[in-house]
PDB file of N, CA and C in Angstrom:
ATOM      1  N   UNK A   1      14.275  -3.418   3.654  1.00  0.00           N
ATOM      2  CA  UNK A   1      13.408  -4.013   3.512  1.00  0.00           C
ATOM      3  C   UNK A   1      13.573  -4.277   2.167  1.00  0.00           C
ATOM      4  N   UNK A   2      13.392  -5.666   1.358  1.00  0.00           N
ATOM      5  CA  UNK A   2      13.325  -6.043   0.225  1.00  0.00           C
ATOM      6  C   UNK A   2      12.272  -5.891  -0.547  1.00  0.00           C
ATOM      7  N   UNK A   3      12.175  -4.562  -1.593  1.00  0.00           N
ATOM      8  CA  UNK A   3      10.652  -4.353  -1.922  1.00  0.00           C
ATOM      9  C   UNK A   3      10.788  -5.047  -3.355  1.00  0.00           C
ATOM     10  N   UNK A   4      11.737  -6.025  -4.041  1.00  0.00           N
ATOM     11  CA  UNK A   4      11.630  -6.952  -4.920  1.00  0.00           C
ATOM     12  C   UNK A   4      10.185  -8.216  -4.495  1.00  0.00           C
ATOM     13  N   UNK A   5      10.416  -8.305  -3.604  1.00  0.00           N
ATOM     14  CA  UNK A   5       9.228  -9.620  -2.947  1.00  0.00           C
ATOM     15  C   UNK A   5       7.891  -9.331  -3.099  1.00  0.00           C
ATOM     16  N   UNK A   6       7.175  -9.981  -3.539  1.00  0.00           N
ATOM     17  CA  UNK A   6       5.486  -9.939  -4.001  1.00  0.00           C
ATOM     18  C   UNK A   6       4.990  -9.664  -2.871  1.00  0.00           C
ATOM     19  N   UNK A   7       5.299  -9.862  -1.926  1.00  0.00           N
ATOM     20  CA  UNK A   7       4.357  -9.526  -0.661  1.00  0.00           C
ATOM     21  C   UNK A   7       5.219  -9.612   0.519  1.00  0.00           C
ATOM     22  N   UNK A   8       5.384  -8.495   1.232  1.00  0.00           N
ATOM     23  CA  UNK A   8       5.947  -8.346   2.413  1.00  0.00           C
ATOM     24  C   UNK A   8       5.515  -7.061   3.204  1.00  0.00           C
ATOM     25  N   UNK A   9       5.674  -7.383   4.285  1.00  0.00           N
ATOM     26  CA  UNK A   9       5.603  -7.072   5.529  1.00  0.00           C
ATOM     27  C   UNK A   9       6.489  -5.881   6.173  1.00  0.00           C
ATOM     28  N   UNK A  10       5.995  -4.561   6.301  1.00  0.00           N
ATOM     29  CA  UNK A  10       6.692  -3.797   7.034  1.00  0.00           C
ATOM     30  C   UNK A  10       6.528  -3.980   8.585  1.00  0.00           C
ATOM     31  N   UNK A  11       5.855  -4.767   8.941  1.00  0.00           N
ATOM     32  CA  UNK A  11       5.304  -4.874  10.329  1.00  0.00           C
ATOM     33  C   UNK A  11       5.299  -5.700  11.079  1.00  0.00           C
ATOM     34  N   UNK A  12       5.857  -5.752  12.317  1.00  0.00           N
ATOM     35  CA  UNK A  12       5.492  -6.658  13.300  1.00  0.00           C
ATOM     36  C   UNK A  12       4.286  -6.883  13.217  1.00  0.00           C
ATOM     37  N   UNK A  13       3.395  -6.150  14.158  1.00  0.00           N
ATOM     38  CA  UNK A  13       2.303  -6.345  14.801  1.00  0.00           C
ATOM     39  C   UNK A  13       1.730  -4.804  14.832  1.00  0.00           C
ATOM     40  N   UNK A  14       0.311  -4.625  14.531  1.00  0.00           N
ATOM     41  CA  UNK A  14      -0.166  -3.053  14.151  1.00  0.00           C
ATOM     42  C   UNK A  14      -0.701  -2.682  15.543  1.00  0.00           C
ATOM     43  N   UNK A  15      -0.702  -3.881  16.175  1.00  0.00           N
ATOM     44  CA  UNK A  15      -1.878  -3.217  17.605  1.00  0.00           C
ATOM     45  C   UNK A  15      -2.702  -2.560  17.399  1.00  0.00           C
ATOM     46  N   UNK A  16      -2.892  -1.457  18.368  1.00  0.00           N
ATOM     47  CA  UNK A  16      -4.030  -0.634  18.032  1.00  0.00           C
ATOM     48  C   UNK A  16      -3.842   0.367  17.036  1.00  0.00           C
ATOM     49  N   UNK A  17      -3.269   0.560  16.088  1.00  0.00           N
ATOM     50  CA  UNK A  17      -3.288   1.291  15.160  1.00  0.00           C
ATOM     51  C   UNK A  17      -3.618   0.745  13.776  1.00  0.00           C
ATOM     52  N   UNK A  18      -4.267   1.460  12.827  1.00  0.00           N
ATOM     53  CA  UNK A  18      -5.326   1.277  11.687  1.00  0.00           C
ATOM     54  C   UNK A  18      -4.159   0.460  11.119  1.00  0.00           C
ATOM     55  N   UNK A  19      -4.930  -0.524  10.452  1.00  0.00           N
ATOM     56  CA  UNK A  19      -4.389  -1.534   9.193  1.00  0.00           C
ATOM     57  C   UNK A  19      -3.771  -0.550   8.346  1.00  0.00           C
ATOM     58  N   UNK A  20      -2.872  -0.595   7.453  1.00  0.00           N
ATOM     59  CA  UNK A  20      -2.155   0.203   6.651  1.00  0.00           C
ATOM     60  C   UNK A  20      -1.852  -0.744   5.424  1.00  0.00           C
ATOM     61  N   UNK A  21      -2.219  -0.727   4.250  1.00  0.00           N
ATOM     62  CA  UNK A  21      -2.160  -2.110   3.366  1.00  0.00           C
ATOM     63  C   UNK A  21      -1.715  -1.002   1.908  1.00  0.00           C
ATOM     64  N   UNK A  22      -0.733  -1.194   0.996  1.00  0.00           N
ATOM     65  CA  UNK A  22      -0.270  -0.569  -0.052  1.00  0.00           C
ATOM     66  C   UNK A  22      -0.383  -1.995  -1.344  1.00  0.00           C
ATOM     67  N   UNK A  23      -1.033  -1.380  -2.203  1.00  0.00           N
ATOM     68  CA  UNK A  23      -1.004  -2.312  -3.439  1.00  0.00           C
ATOM     69  C   UNK A  23      -0.276  -1.389  -4.486  1.00  0.00           C
ATOM     70  N   UNK A  24       0.955  -2.147  -4.600  1.00  0.00           N
ATOM     71  CA  UNK A  24       2.036  -1.188  -5.613  1.00  0.00           C
ATOM     72  C   UNK A  24       2.038  -1.564  -6.617  1.00  0.00           C
ATOM     73  N   UNK A  25       3.410  -1.211  -7.594  1.00  0.00           N
ATOM     74  CA  UNK A  25       3.740  -2.153  -8.566  1.00  0.00           C
ATOM     75  C   UNK A  25       5.686  -1.571  -8.330  1.00  0.00           C
ATOM     76  N   UNK A  26       6.204  -2.687  -8.232  1.00  0.00           N
ATOM     77  CA  UNK A  26       7.953  -2.763  -7.728  1.00  0.00           C
ATOM     78  C   UNK A  26       8.031  -1.229  -8.560  1.00  0.00           C
ATOM     79  N   UNK A  27       8.035  -1.254  -9.944  1.00  0.00           N
ATOM     80  CA  UNK A  27       8.902  -0.065 -10.384  1.00  0.00           C
ATOM     81  C   UNK A  27       8.202   1.286 -10.879  1.00  0.00           C
ATOM     82  N   UNK A  28       7.077   1.638  -9.843  1.00  0.00           N
ATOM     83  CA  UNK A  28       6.749   2.623  -9.596  1.00  0.00           C
ATOM     84  C   UNK A  28       7.234   3.819  -8.732  1.00  0.00           C
ATOM     85  N   UNK A  29       7.436   4.966  -9.029  1.00  0.00           N
ATOM     86  CA  UNK A  29       8.216   5.972  -8.155  1.00  0.00           C
ATOM     87  C   UNK A  29       7.387   6.395  -6.966  1.00  0.00           C
ATOM     88  N   UNK A  30       6.259   6.654  -7.580  1.00  0.00           N
ATOM     89  CA  UNK A  30       5.085   6.691  -6.753  1.00  0.00           C
ATOM     90  C   UNK A  30       4.795   5.900  -5.422  1.00  0.00           C
ATOM     91  N   UNK A  31       4.945   4.903  -6.164  1.00  0.00           N
ATOM     92  CA  UNK A  31       4.865   3.819  -5.108  1.00  0.00           C
ATOM     93  C   UNK A  31       5.486   3.459  -4.453  1.00  0.00           C
ATOM     94  N   UNK A  32       7.324   4.018  -4.534  1.00  0.00           N
ATOM     95  CA  UNK A  32       8.062   3.768  -4.013  1.00  0.00           C
ATOM     96  C   UNK A  32       8.233   5.167  -2.512  1.00  0.00           C
ATOM     97  N   UNK A  33       8.163   6.037  -3.167  1.00  0.00           N
ATOM     98  CA  UNK A  33       7.659   7.148  -2.302  1.00  0.00           C
ATOM     99  C   UNK A  33       6.780   7.079  -1.263  1.00  0.00           C
ATOM    100  N   UNK A  34       5.418   6.514  -1.753  1.00  0.00           N
ATOM    101  CA  UNK A  34       4.881   6.155  -0.363  1.00  0.00           C
ATOM    102  C   UNK A  34       5.027   5.243   0.577  1.00  0.00           C
ATOM    103  N   UNK A  35       6.061   3.985   0.613  1.00  0.00           N
ATOM    104  CA  UNK A  35       6.388   3.261   0.877  1.00  0.00           C
ATOM    105  C   UNK A  35       7.381   4.068   1.932  1.00  0.00           C
ATOM    106  N   UNK A  36       8.393   4.702   1.464  1.00  0.00           N
ATOM    107  CA  UNK A  36       9.557   5.664   1.882  1.00  0.00           C
ATOM    108  C   UNK A  36       9.000   6.972   3.028  1.00  0.00           C
ATOM    109  N   UNK A  37       7.541   7.270   2.876  1.00  0.00           N
ATOM    110  CA  UNK A  37       7.137   8.348   3.186  1.00  0.00           C
ATOM    111  C   UNK A  37       6.977   7.410   4.810  1.00  0.00           C
ATOM    112  N   UNK A  38       6.155   6.461   4.748  1.00  0.00           N
ATOM    113  CA  UNK A  38       5.427   5.833   5.910  1.00  0.00           C
ATOM    114  C   UNK A  38       6.433   4.987   6.744  1.00  0.00           C
ATOM    115  N   UNK A  39       7.578   4.453   6.064  1.00  0.00           N
ATOM    116  CA  UNK A  39       8.666   4.129   6.537  1.00  0.00           C
ATOM    117  C   UNK A  39       9.244   5.252   7.711  1.00  0.00           C
ATOM    118  N   UNK A  40       9.529   6.353   6.965  1.00  0.00           N
ATOM    119  CA  UNK A  40       9.809   7.870   7.460  1.00  0.00           C
ATOM    120  C   UNK A  40       9.235   7.960   9.072  1.00  0.00           C
ATOM    121  N   UNK A  41       8.069   7.820   8.865  1.00  0.00           N
ATOM    122  CA  UNK A  41       7.050   8.107  10.202  1.00  0.00           C
ATOM    123  C   UNK A  41       6.785   6.717  10.655  1.00  0.00           C
ATOM    124  N   UNK A  42       7.556   6.129  10.733  1.00  0.00           N
ATOM    125  CA  UNK A  42       7.619   4.999  11.537  1.00  0.00           C
ATOM    126  C   UNK A  42       6.496   4.463  11.685  1.00  0.00           C
ATOM    127  N   UNK A  43       5.197   4.224  10.392  1.00  0.00           N
ATOM    128  CA  UNK A  43       4.218   3.390  10.203  1.00  0.00           C
ATOM    129  C   UNK A  43       4.322   2.398  10.045  1.00  0.00           C
ATOM    130  N   UNK A  44       3.539   1.224  10.358  1.00  0.00           N
ATOM    131  CA  UNK A  44       3.565   0.099   9.632  1.00  0.00           C
ATOM    132  C   UNK A  44       3.254  -0.231   8.756  1.00  0.00           C
ATOM    133  N   UNK A  45       3.479  -1.239   8.062  1.00  0.00           N
ATOM    134  CA  UNK A  45       2.326  -1.353   6.717  1.00  0.00           C
ATOM    135  C   UNK A  45       2.475  -2.800   6.166  1.00  0.00           C
ATOM    136  N   UNK A  46       1.850  -3.477   5.322  1.00  0.00           N
ATOM    137  CA  UNK A  46       1.530  -4.495   4.575  1.00  0.00           C
ATOM    138  C   UNK A  46       1.946  -3.839   3.186  1.00  0.00           C
ATOM    139  N   UNK A  47       2.412  -4.332   2.409  1.00  0.00           N
ATOM    140  CA  UNK A  47       2.246  -4.282   0.598  1.00  0.00           C
ATOM    141  C   UNK A  47       2.157  -5.419  -0.195  1.00  0.00           C
ATOM    142  N   UNK A  48       1.767  -5.112  -1.108  1.00  0.00           N
ATOM    143  CA  UNK A  48       1.976  -6.304  -2.409  1.00  0.00           C
ATOM    144  C   UNK A  48       2.368  -5.561  -3.544  1.00  0.00           C
ATOM    145  N   UNK A  49       3.591  -6.488  -4.138  1.00  0.00           N
ATOM    146  CA  UNK A  49       3.901  -5.550  -5.368  1.00  0.00           C
ATOM    147  C   UNK A  49       3.168  -6.286  -6.412  1.00  0.00           C
ATOM    148  N   UNK A  50       2.060  -5.632  -6.693  1.00  0.00           N
ATOM    149  CA  UNK A  50       0.989  -6.537  -7.845  1.00  0.00           C
ATOM    150  C   UNK A  50       1.950  -7.074  -9.333  1.00  0.00           C
ATOM    151  N   UNK A  51       2.635  -6.198  -9.797  1.00  0.00           N
ATOM    152  CA  UNK A  51       3.313  -6.518 -11.056  1.00  0.00           C
ATOM    153  C   UNK A  51       4.191  -7.937 -11.252  1.00  0.00           C
ATOM    154  N   UNK A  52       4.573  -8.453  -9.331  1.00  0.00           N
ATOM    155  CA  UNK A  52       5.456  -9.458  -9.649  1.00  0.00           C
ATOM    156  C   UNK A  52       4.445 -10.827  -9.200  1.00  0.00           C
ATOM    157  N   UNK A  53       3.622 -10.812  -9.161  1.00  0.00           N
ATOM    158  CA  UNK A  53       2.576 -11.767  -9.097  1.00  0.00           C
ATOM    159  C   UNK A  53       2.392 -12.270 -10.510  1.00  0.00           C
ATOM    160  N   UNK A  54       1.673 -13.353 -10.117  1.00  0.00           N
ATOM    161  CA  UNK A  54       1.417 -14.182 -11.359  1.00  0.00           C
ATOM    162  C   UNK A  54       0.031 -15.145 -11.412  1.00  0.00           C
ATOM    163  N   UNK A  55      -0.396 -15.352 -12.695  1.00  0.00           N
ATOM    164  CA  UNK A  55      -1.590 -16.181 -12.388  1.00  0.00           C
ATOM    165  C   UNK A  55      -3.166 -15.612 -11.521  1.00  0.00           C
ATOM    166  N   UNK A  56      -3.386 -16.618 -10.775  1.00  0.00           N
ATOM    167  CA  UNK A  56      -4.213 -16.716 -10.405  1.00  0.00           C
ATOM    168  C   UNK A  56      -4.194 -15.854  -9.338  1.00  0.00           C
ATOM    169  N   UNK A  57      -3.135 -15.485  -8.314  1.00  0.00           N
ATOM    170  CA  UNK A  57      -2.991 -14.675  -7.491  1.00  0.00           C
ATOM    171  C   UNK A  57      -2.553 -13.274  -7.981  1.00  0.00           C
ATOM    172  N   UNK A  58      -2.284 -12.965  -8.679  1.00  0.00           N
ATOM    173  CA  UNK A  58      -2.321 -11.838  -9.475  1.00  0.00           C
ATOM    174  C   UNK A  58      -3.702 -11.135  -9.874  1.00  0.00           C
ATOM    175  N   UNK A  59      -4.412 -11.773 -10.743  1.00  0.00           N
ATOM    176  CA  UNK A  59      -6.256 -12.120 -10.568  1.00  0.00           C
ATOM    177  C   UNK A  59      -6.801 -11.702  -9.444  1.00  0.00           C
ATOM    178  N   UNK A  60      -6.633 -12.355  -8.522  1.00  0.00           N
ATOM    179  CA  UNK A  60      -7.319 -12.460  -7.023  1.00  0.00           C
ATOM    180  C   UNK A  60      -7.028 -10.703  -6.315  1.00  0.00           C
ATOM    181  N   UNK A  61      -5.335 -10.401  -6.638  1.00  0.00           N
ATOM    182  CA  UNK A  61      -5.072  -9.424  -6.026  1.00  0.00           C
ATOM    183  C   UNK A  61      -5.649  -8.070  -6.822  1.00  0.00           C
ATOM    184  N   UNK A  62      -5.646  -7.904  -8.219  1.00  0.00           N
ATOM    185  CA  UNK A  62      -6.220  -7.147  -8.506  1.00  0.00           C
ATOM    186  C   UNK A  62      -7.754  -6.906  -8.396  1.00  0.00           C
ATOM    187  N   UNK A  63      -8.385  -8.127  -8.584  1.00  0.00           N
ATOM    188  CA  UNK A  63      -9.923  -7.768  -7.928  1.00  0.00           C
ATOM    189  C   UNK A  63      -9.814  -7.388  -6.715  1.00  0.00           C
ATOM    190  N   UNK A  64      -9.064  -7.515  -5.677  1.00  0.00           N
ATOM    191  CA  UNK A  64      -9.301  -6.792  -4.142  1.00  0.00           C
ATOM    192  C   UNK A  64      -8.849  -4.976  -4.945  1.00  0.00           C
ATOM    193  N   UNK A  65      -7.745  -4.820  -5.410  1.00  0.00           N
ATOM    194  CA  UNK A  65      -7.583  -3.390  -5.778  1.00  0.00           C
ATOM    195  C   UNK A  65      -9.036  -2.686  -6.427  1.00  0.00           C
ATOM    196  N   UNK A  66      -9.420  -3.072  -7.196  1.00  0.00           N
ATOM    197  CA  UNK A  66     -10.860  -2.789  -7.813  1.00  0.00           C
ATOM    198  C   UNK A  66     -11.822  -2.612  -6.954  1.00  0.00           C
ATOM    199  N   UNK A  67     -11.657  -3.160  -5.606  1.00  0.00           N
ATOM    200  CA  UNK A  67     -12.855  -3.447  -4.981  1.00  0.00           C
ATOM    201  C   UNK A  67     -12.216  -1.546  -3.696  1.00  0.00           C
ATOM    202  N   UNK A  68     -11.308  -1.527  -4.060  1.00  0.00           N
ATOM    203  CA  UNK A  68     -10.999  -0.135  -3.393  1.00  0.00           C
ATOM    204  C   UNK A  68     -10.653   1.060  -4.432  1.00  0.00           C
ATOM    205  N   UNK A  69     -10.785   0.870  -5.816  1.00  0.00           N
ATOM    206  CA  UNK A  69     -10.191   1.572  -6.634  1.00  0.00           C
ATOM    207  C   UNK A  69     -10.183   0.986  -7.736  1.00  0.00           C
ATOM    208  N   UNK A  70     -11.665   1.547  -8.283  1.00  0.00           N
ATOM    209  CA  UNK A  70     -12.042   1.044  -9.577  1.00  0.00           C
ATOM    210  C   UNK A  70     -11.220   0.704 -11.095  1.00  0.00           C
ATOM    211  N   UNK A  71     -10.189   2.333 -11.186  1.00  0.00           N
ATOM    212  CA  UNK A  71      -9.570   2.383 -11.906  1.00  0.00           C
ATOM    213  C   UNK A  71      -8.083   1.496 -12.161  1.00  0.00           C
ATOM    214  N   UNK A  72      -7.995   1.144 -10.667  1.00  0.00           N
ATOM    215  CA  UNK A  72      -6.974  -0.175 -10.496  1.00  0.00           C
ATOM    216  C   UNK A  72      -5.962   0.704 -11.102  1.00  0.00           C
ATOM    217  N   UNK A  73      -5.804   1.856 -10.530  1.00  0.00           N
ATOM    218  CA  UNK A  73      -4.171   2.681 -10.708  1.00  0.00           C
ATOM    219  C   UNK A  73      -3.522   2.285  -9.465  1.00  0.00           C
ATOM    220  N   UNK A  74      -1.980   2.952  -9.335  1.00  0.00           N
ATOM    221  CA  UNK A  74      -1.192   2.368  -8.113  1.00  0.00           C
ATOM    222  C   UNK A  74      -0.384   3.871  -7.890  1.00  0.00           C
ATOM    223  N   UNK A  75      -0.067   3.777  -6.734  1.00  0.00           N
ATOM    224  CA  UNK A  75      -0.386   2.886  -5.794  1.00  0.00           C
ATOM    225  C   UNK A  75      -1.545   3.649  -5.290  1.00  0.00           C
ATOM    226  N   UNK A  76      -2.337   2.199  -4.765  1.00  0.00           N
ATOM    227  CA  UNK A  76      -3.806   1.997  -3.773  1.00  0.00           C
ATOM    228  C   UNK A  76      -3.412   2.054  -2.460  1.00  0.00           C
ATOM    229  N   UNK A  77      -3.588   2.831  -1.696  1.00  0.00           N
ATOM    230  CA  UNK A  77      -3.151   2.920  -0.390  1.00  0.00           C
ATOM    231  C   UNK A  77      -4.493   2.960   0.765  1.00  0.00           C
ATOM    232  N   UNK A  78      -4.920   1.871   1.493  1.00  0.00           N
ATOM    233  CA  UNK A  78      -5.930   1.272   2.289  1.00  0.00           C
ATOM    234  C   UNK A  78      -5.571   1.812   3.708  1.00  0.00           C
ATOM    235  N   UNK A  79      -6.006   2.646   4.558  1.00  0.00           N
ATOM    236  CA  UNK A  79      -6.015   2.853   5.727  1.00  0.00           C
ATOM    237  C   UNK A  79      -6.890   2.787   6.680  1.00  0.00           C
ATOM    238  N   UNK A  80      -7.056   1.940   7.288  1.00  0.00           N
ATOM    239  CA  UNK A  80      -8.222   1.598   7.807  1.00  0.00           C
ATOM    240  C   UNK A  80      -9.466   1.567   7.122  1.00  0.00           C
ATOM    241  N   UNK A  81     -10.511   2.299   7.214  1.00  0.00           N
ATOM    242  CA  UNK A  81     -11.416   2.044   6.182  1.00  0.00           C
ATOM    243  C   UNK A  81     -11.252   3.368   4.953  1.00  0.00           C
ATOM    244  N   UNK A  82     -10.159   3.939   4.845  1.00  0.00           N
ATOM    245  CA  UNK A  82     -10.103   4.956   4.049  1.00  0.00           C
ATOM    246  C   UNK A  82      -9.250   4.758   2.908  1.00  0.00           C
ATOM    247  N   UNK A  83      -9.185   4.853   1.427  1.00  0.00           N
ATOM    248  CA  UNK A  83      -8.396   4.308   0.639  1.00  0.00           C
ATOM    249  C   UNK A  83      -8.257   5.709  -0.046  1.00  0.00           C
ATOM    250  N   UNK A  84      -6.457   6.047  -0.335  1.00  0.00           N
ATOM    251  CA  UNK A  84      -5.636   7.160  -0.772  1.00  0.00           C
ATOM    252  C   UNK A  84      -5.543   6.476  -2.145  1.00  0.00           C
ATOM    253  N   UNK A  85      -5.454   7.059  -3.561  1.00  0.00           N
ATOM    254  CA  UNK A  85      -5.297   6.632  -4.141  1.00  0.00           C
ATOM    255  C   UNK A  85      -4.157   7.460  -5.089  1.00  0.00           C
ATOM    256  N   UNK A  86      -2.877   7.127  -5.134  1.00  0.00           N
ATOM    257  CA  UNK A  86      -1.607   7.819  -5.964  1.00  0.00           C
ATOM    258  C   UNK A  86      -0.884   8.195  -4.300  1.00  0.00           C
ATOM    259  N   UNK A  87       0.417   8.990  -4.744  1.00  0.00           N
ATOM    260  CA  UNK A  87       0.827   9.148  -3.310  1.00  0.00           C
ATOM    261  C   UNK A  87       0.259  11.100  -3.376  1.00  0.00           C
ATOM    262  N   UNK A  88      -0.395  10.655  -1.995  1.00  0.00           N
ATOM    263  CA  UNK A  88      -0.756  12.242  -1.990  1.00  0.00           C
ATOM    264  C   UNK A  88      -0.444  12.563  -0.385  1.00  0.00           C
ATOM    265  N   UNK A  89       0.935  13.175  -0.437  1.00  0.00           N
ATOM    266  CA  UNK A  89       1.332  12.669   1.041  1.00  0.00           C
ATOM    267  C   UNK A  89       0.412  13.255   2.092  1.00  0.00           C
ATOM    268  N   UNK A  90      -0.343  14.592   1.755  1.00  0.00           N
ATOM    269  CA  UNK A  90      -0.989  15.258   2.837  1.00  0.00           C
ATOM    270  C   UNK A  90      -2.311  14.341   3.107  1.00  0.00           C
ATOM    271  N   UNK A  91      -3.237  13.669   2.091  1.00  0.00           N
ATOM    272  CA  UNK A  91      -3.923  13.170   2.218  1.00  0.00           C
ATOM    273  C   UNK A  91      -3.952  11.701   3.183  1.00  0.00           C
ATOM    274  N   UNK A  92      -2.399  11.003   2.849  1.00  0.00           N
ATOM    275  CA  UNK A  92      -2.238   9.746   3.669  1.00  0.00           C
ATOM    276  C   UNK A  92      -2.136  10.374   5.040  1.00  0.00           C
ATOM    277  N   UNK A  93      -1.087  11.361   5.079  1.00  0.00           N
ATOM    278  CA  UNK A  93      -0.860  11.949   6.494  1.00  0.00           C
ATOM    279  C   UNK A  93      -2.375  12.139   7.352  1.00  0.00           C
ATOM    280  N   UNK A  94      -3.164  12.560   6.914  1.00  0.00           N
ATOM    281  CA  UNK A  94      -4.549  12.989   7.391  1.00  0.00           C
ATOM    282  C   UNK A  94      -4.975  11.715   7.651  1.00  0.00           C
ATOM    283  N   UNK A  95      -5.359  10.623   6.606  1.00  0.00           N
ATOM    284  CA  UNK A  95      -5.779   9.615   7.107  1.00  0.00           C
ATOM    285  C   UNK A  95      -5.373   8.724   8.258  1.00  0.00           C
ATOM    286  N   UNK A  96      -4.056   9.008   8.557  1.00  0.00           N
ATOM    287  CA  UNK A  96      -3.007   8.410   9.191  1.00  0.00           C
ATOM    288  C   UNK A  96      -3.495   8.919  10.796  1.00  0.00           C
ATOM    289  N   UNK A  97      -3.833  10.509  10.855  1.00  0.00           N
ATOM    290  CA  UNK A  97      -4.008  11.441  11.862  1.00  0.00           C
ATOM    291  C   UNK A  97      -2.516  11.968  12.091  1.00  0.00           C
ATOM    292  N   UNK A  98      -2.108  12.241  11.601  1.00  0.00           N
ATOM    293  CA  UNK A  98      -0.616  12.624  11.693  1.00  0.00           C
ATOM    294  C   UNK A  98      -0.535  14.298  11.078  1.00  0.00           C
ATOM    295  N   UNK A  99      -1.602  14.757  10.594  1.00  0.00           N
ATOM    296  CA  UNK A  99      -1.896  16.241  10.291  1.00  0.00           C
ATOM    297  C   UNK A  99      -3.150  16.675  10.983  1.00  0.00           C
TER     298      UNK A  99
END
């Protein structure tokens, strides 16, 4: 998977599973760790590297992030109707029903 693209899907089809979306920064070690953990757990997810966006597209995505996380920090991980801010492996796994 090429993490340098601004909007990338690590999914083919999420089927009956919860939708997982990561708002991330391309240079953030915590964001990379979250993506790596989800991939290792074979969880399908979509992500947007916000720092690689420009102009109106970036502004629109940041507005979306603020709806989930008013502080607009990264990673912001949306799992179904749950939001995990930061790379908190235990919380992420609990939200996914892995623990």
